[in-house]
Amino acid sequence: MVDIKSDLKENIESRINAMFDFTEAKIEKLIIHQVGNKLKDEPLVLSDIFADITDSSLTNLVERYFFQRFKDNGQYSFGHETDLAFNELYQYSKNIFHNPNELKTNSENIATHLYKVSTHPNIKSGELYIAYISNAILNNQHYDAIGIFKSETKEPFLKINNKEKNITLSWDTGVDTRKLDKGCIVFNNREDLGYSVLIVDSGNQIDTKYWVQDFLGIEKNDSSFQKTKIVVDACKQYIKKDYQGATTEKVATLNSVLNYIDSNESLQLDEFSDRVTDTKQEAEQLREYIQSFAEKKNFHDIQNFEVDQSAVKTIKKTIKNIIKLDTAFEIKVKAFSELDKKHLEKGYDEDKKMHYYKLYFNEEQ
């Protein structure tokens, strides 16, 4: 029988500050689906049955495959820029925790969601394993958990066949249990804040985007990271919904927000709101909006914090400073540039009965 419990325990205990422990965790149910690349018209195959892992040696191998690559590199939570309820993985996880008997149905929803976001040509097809886990430890507390794992890489291996002293050699391909391609474990805690999530991914930029951002939709559980993102998300919503200025002024204000967090190591809310707005009244309105937005996210101390550069990088990828017109033209303002309002004017032509923009510049680039 393969015994990996002691190996797992030794591996985890070697990390002095480890916040999780899977040595006593038990996989209660496991179902496996095949998820192809949608862009390449590869199929999505949903399994009708749960995997049989009653054999103890098989169970130990599966546990080693699923658990051993998780490292103490931070915790995450499901999130969404508008409302947590819109995060699909959060909703499916919530459904499973509330009714574990619905694991199969929700696993199909999870696999379908992964298939929908598998649209980059470099994304590999593979098996998606979804497990219900009991007795997983996080921060010295025992929890039920959901494991979502994906295998993409197949390795060749030799097979020795011995029949009545006739020893032959053949080969096959299979999954190397020492190399988990992608994985996440969702702990049944902090439901209202998006649960606690641990992840494994290859670190490849394409994989990280589609697995971490597009599929899971998770954010790092770090106060400076979340506060940085909360402030920018609040500003984006405020500028879009409540800011009364023209489109050019909205773009300019958003650029001021991005420039501030991109060039400052810390953020002091009063100074920040004064710097990115034109009047004291606007600054006060923005401060109140940010504070209210943060409190809804259960962050009550947003006055002064360190700007998290990884959050800044994440935010930059989501900003599109484009003014779309109804005459087949778009004006794109280079992200994080200082948009001087004197360089872009808006007016109205009485003869043509149309609005216009006038752009000023020194030289073409």
Protein backbone atom coordinates (compact mmCIF):
# COMPACT_ATOMS: atom_id res chain seq x y z
CA MET A 1 0.00 0.00 0.00
CA VAL A 2 1.29 3.47 -0.85
CA ASP A 3 1.65 5.50 2.35
CA ILE A 4 2.01 9.22 1.82
CA LYS A 5 0.42 10.59 5.01
CA SER A 6 3.75 10.76 6.78
CA ASP A 7 5.35 12.38 3.72
CA LEU A 8 2.64 15.03 3.62
CA LYS A 9 2.99 15.69 7.35
CA GLU A 10 6.76 16.03 7.15
CA ASN A 11 6.45 18.31 4.12
CA ILE A 12 3.93 20.59 5.83
CA GLU A 13 5.61 20.63 9.24
CA SER A 14 8.85 21.71 7.58
CA ARG A 15 7.12 25.02 6.84
CA ILE A 16 7.21 26.60 10.28
CA ASN A 17 4.62 29.24 9.49
CA ALA A 18 2.26 27.01 7.50
CA MET A 19 -1.37 28.05 7.99
CA PHE A 20 -2.93 24.88 6.56
CA ASP A 21 -2.67 21.13 7.04
CA PHE A 22 -4.10 18.34 4.89
CA THR A 23 -2.55 15.37 6.70
CA GLU A 24 -5.90 14.37 8.21
CA ALA A 25 -8.06 15.56 5.32
CA LYS A 26 -10.35 13.00 3.70
CA ILE A 27 -11.79 13.06 0.19
CA GLU A 28 -15.46 12.20 0.64
CA LYS A 29 -16.52 12.39 -3.01
CA LEU A 30 -14.67 12.92 -6.28
CA ILE A 31 -15.95 13.50 -9.79
CA ILE A 32 -13.87 14.01 -12.92
CA HIS A 33 -14.84 15.90 -16.07
CA GLN A 34 -12.92 16.42 -19.32
CA VAL A 35 -12.56 20.09 -20.31
CA GLY A 36 -11.25 20.94 -23.75
CA ASN A 37 -10.25 24.21 -25.37
CA LYS A 38 -13.45 25.88 -26.57
CA LEU A 39 -11.59 28.00 -29.15
CA LYS A 40 -10.28 24.80 -30.79
CA ASP A 41 -13.73 23.14 -30.68
CA GLU A 42 -12.43 20.50 -28.28
CA PRO A 43 -15.26 18.83 -26.35
CA LEU A 44 -16.55 19.26 -22.84
CA VAL A 45 -17.27 15.81 -21.42
CA LEU A 46 -19.26 15.65 -18.18
CA SER A 47 -19.03 12.45 -16.17
CA ASP A 48 -22.22 10.71 -15.07
CA ILE A 49 -20.67 9.00 -12.05
CA PHE A 50 -18.39 9.71 -9.11
CA ALA A 51 -14.90 8.21 -9.18
CA ASP A 52 -14.37 5.08 -7.10
CA ILE A 53 -11.45 5.79 -4.75
CA THR A 54 -12.24 3.22 -2.09
CA ASP A 55 -8.91 1.47 -2.67
CA SER A 56 -6.57 2.84 0.01
CA SER A 57 -3.48 2.92 -2.24
CA LEU A 58 -5.39 4.85 -4.90
CA THR A 59 -6.75 7.23 -2.27
CA ASN A 60 -3.24 7.95 -0.99
CA LEU A 61 -1.94 8.61 -4.49
CA VAL A 62 -4.84 10.97 -5.22
CA GLU A 63 -4.26 12.83 -1.94
CA ARG A 64 -0.58 13.24 -2.72
CA TYR A 65 -1.44 14.51 -6.18
CA PHE A 66 -4.00 17.01 -4.90
CA PHE A 67 -2.39 18.32 -1.72
CA GLN A 68 1.39 18.26 -1.88
CA ARG A 69 1.97 21.29 -4.14
CA PHE A 70 0.09 23.79 -2.01
CA LYS A 71 2.46 26.26 -0.37
CA ASP A 72 2.05 28.93 2.25
CA ASN A 73 2.06 31.75 -0.30
CA GLY A 74 -1.02 33.62 0.85
CA GLN A 75 -4.75 33.14 1.02
CA TYR A 76 -7.33 34.40 -1.45
CA SER A 77 -11.08 34.97 -1.53
CA PHE A 78 -13.67 35.06 -4.28
CA GLY A 79 -14.44 38.60 -5.37
CA HIS A 80 -16.17 40.70 -7.99
CA GLU A 81 -15.81 44.38 -8.87
CA THR A 82 -19.57 44.92 -8.65
CA ASP A 83 -20.95 42.38 -6.18
CA LEU A 84 -19.66 39.07 -4.79
CA ALA A 85 -22.95 37.42 -5.78
CA PHE A 86 -21.93 37.76 -9.45
CA ASN A 87 -18.88 35.51 -8.99
CA GLU A 88 -19.90 32.14 -10.47
CA LEU A 89 -17.38 29.99 -8.55
CA TYR A 90 -18.47 31.63 -5.31
CA GLN A 91 -22.10 30.76 -6.00
CA TYR A 92 -21.33 27.15 -6.98
CA SER A 93 -19.15 26.69 -3.89
CA LYS A 94 -21.87 28.17 -1.71
CA ASN A 95 -24.42 25.79 -3.22
CA ILE A 96 -22.17 22.79 -2.51
CA PHE A 97 -21.46 23.79 1.09
CA HIS A 98 -25.16 24.37 1.75
CA ASN A 99 -26.10 21.04 0.14
CA PRO A 100 -23.20 18.58 -0.42
CA ASN A 101 -25.61 16.19 -2.16
CA GLU A 102 -25.68 18.68 -5.05
CA LEU A 103 -21.94 18.23 -5.70
CA LYS A 104 -22.48 16.55 -9.08
CA THR A 105 -24.78 19.25 -10.47
CA ASN A 106 -22.56 22.07 -9.29
CA SER A 107 -19.43 20.29 -10.51
CA GLU A 108 -20.99 20.28 -13.98
CA ASN A 109 -21.64 24.02 -13.65
CA ILE A 110 -18.02 24.56 -12.60
CA ALA A 111 -16.70 22.52 -15.55
CA THR A 112 -18.98 24.39 -17.96
CA HIS A 113 -17.75 27.72 -16.60
CA LEU A 114 -14.12 26.63 -17.06
CA TYR A 115 -14.91 25.56 -20.62
CA LYS A 116 -16.43 28.97 -21.40
CA VAL A 117 -13.25 30.80 -20.34
CA SER A 118 -10.88 28.33 -22.07
CA THR A 119 -10.63 30.45 -25.20
CA HIS A 120 -6.92 31.21 -25.53
CA PRO A 121 -5.13 29.01 -28.11
CA ASN A 122 -2.41 28.09 -25.59
CA ILE A 123 -4.82 26.70 -22.98
CA LYS A 124 -4.48 22.93 -22.79
CA SER A 125 -7.33 20.48 -22.45
CA GLY A 126 -7.34 18.22 -19.43
CA GLU A 127 -9.20 16.49 -16.65
CA LEU A 128 -11.01 18.62 -14.08
CA TYR A 129 -11.26 16.95 -10.66
CA ILE A 130 -13.80 18.30 -8.17
CA ALA A 131 -13.68 16.87 -4.66
CA TYR A 132 -15.60 17.31 -1.44
CA ILE A 133 -13.09 17.23 1.40
CA SER A 134 -13.58 16.89 5.14
CA ASN A 135 -11.25 17.66 8.05
CA ALA A 136 -9.04 20.18 6.26
CA ILE A 137 -7.21 22.49 8.66
CA LEU A 138 -6.75 26.22 8.14
CA ASN A 139 -5.42 28.51 10.87
CA ASN A 140 -5.78 25.65 13.39
CA GLN A 141 -9.49 25.21 12.62
CA HIS A 142 -11.10 22.17 10.96
CA TYR A 143 -13.29 22.79 7.91
CA ASP A 144 -15.04 21.02 5.08
CA ALA A 145 -13.55 22.13 1.79
CA ILE A 146 -13.98 21.90 -1.96
CA GLY A 147 -11.01 20.94 -4.12
CA ILE A 148 -10.87 21.93 -7.79
CA PHE A 149 -7.87 20.53 -9.66
CA LYS A 150 -6.86 20.31 -13.31
CA SER A 151 -4.36 17.96 -14.95
CA GLU A 152 -3.08 18.92 -18.38
CA THR A 153 0.30 17.24 -18.74
CA LYS A 154 0.59 13.55 -19.57
CA GLU A 155 3.87 11.72 -19.04
CA PRO A 156 4.99 8.47 -20.71
CA PHE A 157 5.80 5.55 -18.40
CA LEU A 158 7.06 1.99 -18.85
CA LYS A 159 4.91 -1.03 -18.04
CA ILE A 160 6.44 -4.35 -17.09
CA ASN A 161 4.27 -7.34 -18.02
CA ASN A 162 5.05 -10.67 -16.35
CA LYS A 163 2.98 -13.66 -17.39
CA GLU A 164 4.23 -17.14 -16.60
CA LYS A 165 7.91 -16.12 -16.79
CA ASN A 166 7.31 -14.21 -20.01
CA ILE A 167 8.46 -10.72 -19.11
CA THR A 168 7.70 -8.04 -21.68
CA LEU A 169 7.89 -4.30 -21.87
CA SER A 170 5.29 -1.79 -23.04
CA TRP A 171 4.44 1.82 -22.39
CA ASP A 172 1.53 4.13 -21.77
CA THR A 173 0.85 7.71 -20.78
CA GLY A 174 -0.62 9.01 -17.54
CA VAL A 175 -0.63 11.72 -14.90
CA ASP A 176 2.50 12.28 -12.82
CA THR A 177 1.18 12.53 -9.25
CA ARG A 178 4.12 14.75 -8.30
CA LYS A 179 3.11 17.50 -10.73
CA LEU A 180 -0.29 19.14 -10.23
CA ASP A 181 -0.85 21.65 -13.03
CA LYS A 182 -3.55 23.80 -11.43
CA GLY A 183 -5.60 23.62 -8.28
CA CYS A 184 -7.56 25.46 -5.65
CA ILE A 185 -9.06 24.54 -2.30
CA VAL A 186 -12.06 26.47 -0.95
CA PHE A 187 -12.58 26.32 2.83
CA ASN A 188 -16.07 26.56 4.28
CA ASN A 189 -15.46 29.73 6.29
CA ARG A 190 -15.99 33.49 5.87
CA GLU A 191 -18.92 32.89 3.50
CA ASP A 192 -19.97 36.55 3.46
CA LEU A 193 -16.41 37.59 2.52
CA GLY A 194 -15.88 35.08 -0.31
CA TYR A 195 -14.44 32.12 1.65
CA SER A 196 -10.73 31.36 2.12
CA VAL A 197 -9.06 29.95 -1.00
CA LEU A 198 -5.62 28.43 -1.57
CA ILE A 199 -4.31 28.08 -5.12
CA VAL A 200 -1.75 26.32 -7.28
CA ASP A 201 -1.04 27.55 -10.79
CA SER A 202 1.92 27.36 -13.14
CA GLY A 203 2.80 31.04 -12.83
CA ASN A 204 2.50 31.41 -16.60
CA GLN A 205 0.83 34.74 -17.40
CA ILE A 206 -1.78 33.21 -19.71
CA ASP A 207 -2.58 30.44 -17.24
CA THR A 208 -2.80 32.86 -14.32
CA LYS A 209 -5.23 35.08 -16.17
CA TYR A 210 -7.59 32.33 -17.26
CA TRP A 211 -7.35 30.16 -14.11
CA VAL A 212 -7.06 32.78 -11.36
CA GLN A 213 -8.91 35.73 -12.86
CA ASP A 214 -11.34 34.49 -15.52
CA PHE A 215 -12.24 31.13 -13.95
CA LEU A 216 -11.89 31.52 -10.18
CA GLY A 217 -12.23 35.30 -9.87
CA ILE A 218 -10.21 35.47 -6.67
CA GLU A 219 -8.38 38.28 -4.89
CA LYS A 220 -5.50 38.02 -2.47
CA ASN A 221 -6.49 38.15 1.20
CA ASP A 222 -4.11 40.92 2.07
CA SER A 223 -5.42 44.15 3.54
CA SER A 224 -3.15 46.44 1.51
CA PHE A 225 -4.00 44.57 -1.71
CA GLN A 226 -7.72 44.70 -1.07
CA LYS A 227 -7.71 48.30 0.15
CA THR A 228 -5.83 49.43 -2.95
CA LYS A 229 -8.30 47.63 -5.19
CA ILE A 230 -11.32 48.82 -3.17
CA VAL A 231 -10.31 52.49 -3.52
CA VAL A 232 -9.85 52.22 -7.29
CA ASP A 233 -13.05 50.20 -7.77
CA ALA A 234 -14.94 52.80 -5.74
CA CYS A 235 -13.49 55.61 -7.86
CA LYS A 236 -14.40 53.80 -11.08
CA GLN A 237 -18.02 53.38 -9.96
CA TYR A 238 -18.23 56.94 -8.63
CA ILE A 239 -16.87 58.41 -11.87
CA LYS A 240 -19.18 56.26 -13.98
CA LYS A 241 -22.39 56.81 -12.01
CA ASP A 242 -22.21 59.90 -9.81
CA TYR A 243 -19.59 62.21 -11.32
CA GLN A 244 -21.34 65.04 -13.17
CA GLY A 245 -18.51 66.08 -15.49
CA ALA A 246 -18.19 65.54 -19.23
CA THR A 247 -16.69 62.35 -20.62
CA THR A 248 -13.28 63.98 -21.00
CA GLU A 249 -13.37 65.10 -17.37
CA LYS A 250 -14.30 61.57 -16.27
CA VAL A 251 -11.38 60.12 -18.20
CA ALA A 252 -9.07 62.78 -16.78
CA THR A 253 -10.23 62.07 -13.21
CA LEU A 254 -9.75 58.33 -13.64
CA ASN A 255 -6.27 58.95 -15.00
CA SER A 256 -5.51 61.10 -11.94
CA VAL A 257 -6.59 58.20 -9.71
CA LEU A 258 -4.38 55.75 -11.58
CA ASN A 259 -1.42 58.10 -11.63
CA TYR A 260 -1.68 58.61 -7.88
CA ILE A 261 -1.65 54.92 -6.94
CA ASP A 262 0.98 54.19 -9.58
CA SER A 263 3.41 56.78 -8.18
CA ASN A 264 2.81 56.67 -4.41
CA GLU A 265 3.90 54.02 -1.91
CA SER A 266 1.08 54.87 0.49
CA LEU A 267 -2.41 56.34 0.23
CA GLN A 268 -3.86 58.86 2.66
CA LEU A 269 -7.54 59.22 1.81
CA ASP A 270 -7.91 62.97 2.45
CA GLU A 271 -4.83 63.86 0.42
CA PHE A 272 -5.78 61.38 -2.31
CA SER A 273 -9.30 62.76 -2.77
CA ASP A 274 -7.98 66.34 -2.82
CA ARG A 275 -5.35 65.49 -5.44
CA VAL A 276 -7.60 63.64 -7.90
CA THR A 277 -10.53 66.10 -7.89
CA ASP A 278 -10.85 69.78 -8.81
CA THR A 279 -12.95 71.18 -5.95
CA LYS A 280 -13.36 70.66 -2.22
CA GLN A 281 -16.96 69.63 -2.77
CA GLU A 282 -15.95 66.94 -5.26
CA ALA A 283 -13.20 65.74 -2.89
CA GLU A 284 -15.66 65.39 -0.02
CA GLN A 285 -18.19 63.55 -2.20
CA LEU A 286 -15.51 61.13 -3.39
CA ARG A 287 -14.27 60.48 0.17
CA GLU A 288 -17.78 59.69 1.36
CA TYR A 289 -18.37 57.40 -1.60
CA ILE A 290 -15.11 55.49 -1.02
CA GLN A 291 -15.81 55.09 2.70
CA SER A 292 -19.34 53.80 2.04
CA PHE A 293 -18.08 51.45 -0.69
CA ALA A 294 -15.34 50.08 1.61
CA GLU A 295 -17.75 49.52 4.51
CA LYS A 296 -19.98 47.41 2.26
CA LYS A 297 -16.87 45.27 1.65
CA ASN A 298 -16.30 45.03 5.44
CA PHE A 299 -13.28 47.34 5.36
CA HIS A 300 -13.83 50.08 7.92
CA ASP A 301 -10.31 51.51 8.17
CA ILE A 302 -9.50 52.89 4.75
CA GLN A 303 -7.92 56.20 5.83
CA ASN A 304 -4.24 55.36 5.46
CA PHE A 305 -2.53 52.26 4.02
CA GLU A 306 0.36 51.03 1.91
CA VAL A 307 -0.33 50.80 -1.83
CA ASP A 308 0.08 47.22 -3.03
CA GLN A 309 1.94 47.09 -6.34
CA SER A 310 0.51 43.69 -7.31
CA ALA A 311 -2.95 45.23 -6.96
CA VAL A 312 -1.82 48.13 -9.15
CA LYS A 313 -0.74 45.66 -11.87
CA THR A 314 -4.10 43.89 -11.67
CA ILE A 315 -5.99 47.17 -11.87
CA LYS A 316 -4.01 48.41 -14.89
CA LYS A 317 -5.17 45.41 -16.93
CA THR A 318 -8.82 46.27 -16.36
CA ILE A 319 -8.76 49.95 -17.32
CA LYS A 320 -9.77 51.01 -20.82
CA ASN A 321 -9.65 54.78 -21.30
CA ILE A 322 -11.67 55.00 -24.49
CA ILE A 323 -14.21 57.62 -25.52
CA LYS A 324 -16.55 55.90 -27.98
CA LEU A 325 -18.38 58.03 -30.57
CA ASP A 326 -21.35 57.17 -32.76
CA THR A 327 -19.51 58.06 -36.00
CA ALA A 328 -17.14 55.05 -36.10
CA PHE A 329 -14.44 56.94 -34.18
CA GLU A 330 -12.89 56.16 -30.81
CA ILE A 331 -10.51 58.37 -28.81
CA LYS A 332 -8.11 56.33 -26.72
CA VAL A 333 -6.31 58.11 -23.91
CA LYS A 334 -3.05 56.36 -23.07
CA ALA A 335 -3.49 54.71 -19.69
CA PHE A 336 -1.79 56.41 -16.73
CA SER A 337 -0.86 59.50 -18.76
CA GLU A 338 -1.60 62.96 -17.42
CA LEU A 339 -4.59 64.08 -19.47
CA ASP A 340 -4.51 67.85 -19.54
CA LYS A 341 -8.03 69.09 -20.19
CA LYS A 342 -6.59 71.95 -22.27
CA HIS A 343 -5.41 69.37 -24.82
CA LEU A 344 -8.87 67.95 -25.50
CA GLU A 345 -11.81 70.25 -26.05
CA LYS A 346 -15.45 69.39 -26.60
CA GLY A 347 -17.80 71.69 -28.49
CA TYR A 348 -20.95 71.88 -30.58
CA ASP A 349 -21.11 72.85 -34.26
CA GLU A 350 -24.33 74.79 -34.92
CA ASP A 351 -24.12 74.32 -38.69
CA LYS A 352 -23.71 70.53 -38.58
CA LYS A 353 -25.79 70.16 -35.42
CA MET A 354 -23.18 67.80 -34.02
CA HIS A 355 -20.78 67.65 -31.11
CA TYR A 356 -17.04 67.59 -31.77
CA TYR A 357 -13.72 67.05 -30.02
CA LYS A 358 -10.65 69.16 -30.77
CA LEU A 359 -7.23 67.64 -29.93
CA TYR A 360 -4.02 69.64 -29.41
CA PHE A 361 -0.48 68.24 -29.64
CA ASN A 362 3.08 69.30 -30.35
CA GLU A 363 4.39 66.40 -32.46
CA GLU A 364 3.18 63.08 -33.78
CA GLN A 365 4.77 60.05 -32.14
